[in-house]
């Protein structure tokens, strides 16, 4: 598995976990200037 695929899998699992705990995901891969936040 390529490291980018592994990272995407981990991010998806994190989102599933957070949603199962009633968190609302506002955005994914939010970019600001040269920075990125994976899960907001």
C-alpha atoms as a PDB file:
ATOM      1  CA  UNK A   1       0.000   0.000   0.000  1.00  0.00           C
ATOM      2  CA  UNK A   2       1.399   3.379  -1.013  1.00  0.00           C
ATOM      3  CA  UNK A   3       1.949   5.862   1.837  1.00  0.00           C
ATOM      4  CA  UNK A   4      -0.652   8.270   0.391  1.00  0.00           C
ATOM      5  CA  UNK A   5      -3.247   5.493   0.315  1.00  0.00           C
ATOM      6  CA  UNK A   6      -2.385   4.562   3.887  1.00  0.00           C
ATOM      7  CA  UNK A   7      -2.755   8.199   4.950  1.00  0.00           C
ATOM      8  CA  UNK A   8      -6.155   8.462   3.246  1.00  0.00           C
ATOM      9  CA  UNK A   9      -7.283   5.247   4.930  1.00  0.00           C
ATOM     10  CA  UNK A  10      -6.221   6.581   8.326  1.00  0.00           C
ATOM     11  CA  UNK A  11      -8.011   9.867   7.713  1.00  0.00           C
ATOM     12  CA  UNK A  12     -11.201   8.046   6.688  1.00  0.00           C
ATOM     13  CA  UNK A  13     -11.062   5.878   9.815  1.00  0.00           C
ATOM     14  CA  UNK A  14     -10.553   8.976  11.970  1.00  0.00           C
ATOM     15  CA  UNK A  15     -13.594  10.657  10.382  1.00  0.00           C
ATOM     16  CA  UNK A  16     -15.723   7.545  10.921  1.00  0.00           C
ATOM     17  CA  UNK A  17     -14.649   7.403  14.565  1.00  0.00           C
ATOM     18  CA  UNK A  18     -15.339  11.095  15.181  1.00  0.00           C
ATOM     19  CA  UNK A  19     -18.750  10.885  13.523  1.00  0.00           C
ATOM     20  CA  UNK A  20     -19.610   7.837  15.644  1.00  0.00           C
ATOM     21  CA  UNK A  21     -18.960  10.043  18.694  1.00  0.00           C
ATOM     22  CA  UNK A  22     -21.402  12.671  17.330  1.00  0.00           C
ATOM     23  CA  UNK A  23     -18.753  15.086  16.042  1.00  0.00           C
ATOM     24  CA  UNK A  24     -19.743  17.042  12.951  1.00  0.00           C
ATOM     25  CA  UNK A  25     -17.077  17.185  10.249  1.00  0.00           C
ATOM     26  CA  UNK A  26     -17.132  20.666   8.734  1.00  0.00           C
ATOM     27  CA  UNK A  27     -14.456  20.202   6.092  1.00  0.00           C
ATOM     28  CA  UNK A  28     -11.712  17.864   4.964  1.00  0.00           C
ATOM     29  CA  UNK A  29      -8.353  18.803   3.450  1.00  0.00           C
ATOM     30  CA  UNK A  30      -8.933  22.508   4.105  1.00  0.00           C
ATOM     31  CA  UNK A  31      -6.156  24.541   2.518  1.00  0.00           C
ATOM     32  CA  UNK A  32      -4.969  27.937   3.665  1.00  0.00           C
ATOM     33  CA  UNK A  33      -1.962  29.472   1.947  1.00  0.00           C
ATOM     34  CA  UNK A  34       0.564  26.597   1.901  1.00  0.00           C
ATOM     35  CA  UNK A  35      -0.963  24.736   4.845  1.00  0.00           C
ATOM     36  CA  UNK A  36      -3.587  22.024   5.048  1.00  0.00           C
ATOM     37  CA  UNK A  37      -5.819  20.789   7.841  1.00  0.00           C
ATOM     38  CA  UNK A  38      -7.013  17.244   7.187  1.00  0.00           C
ATOM     39  CA  UNK A  39     -10.150  17.253   9.338  1.00  0.00           C
ATOM     40  CA  UNK A  40     -12.051  20.297  10.584  1.00  0.00           C
END
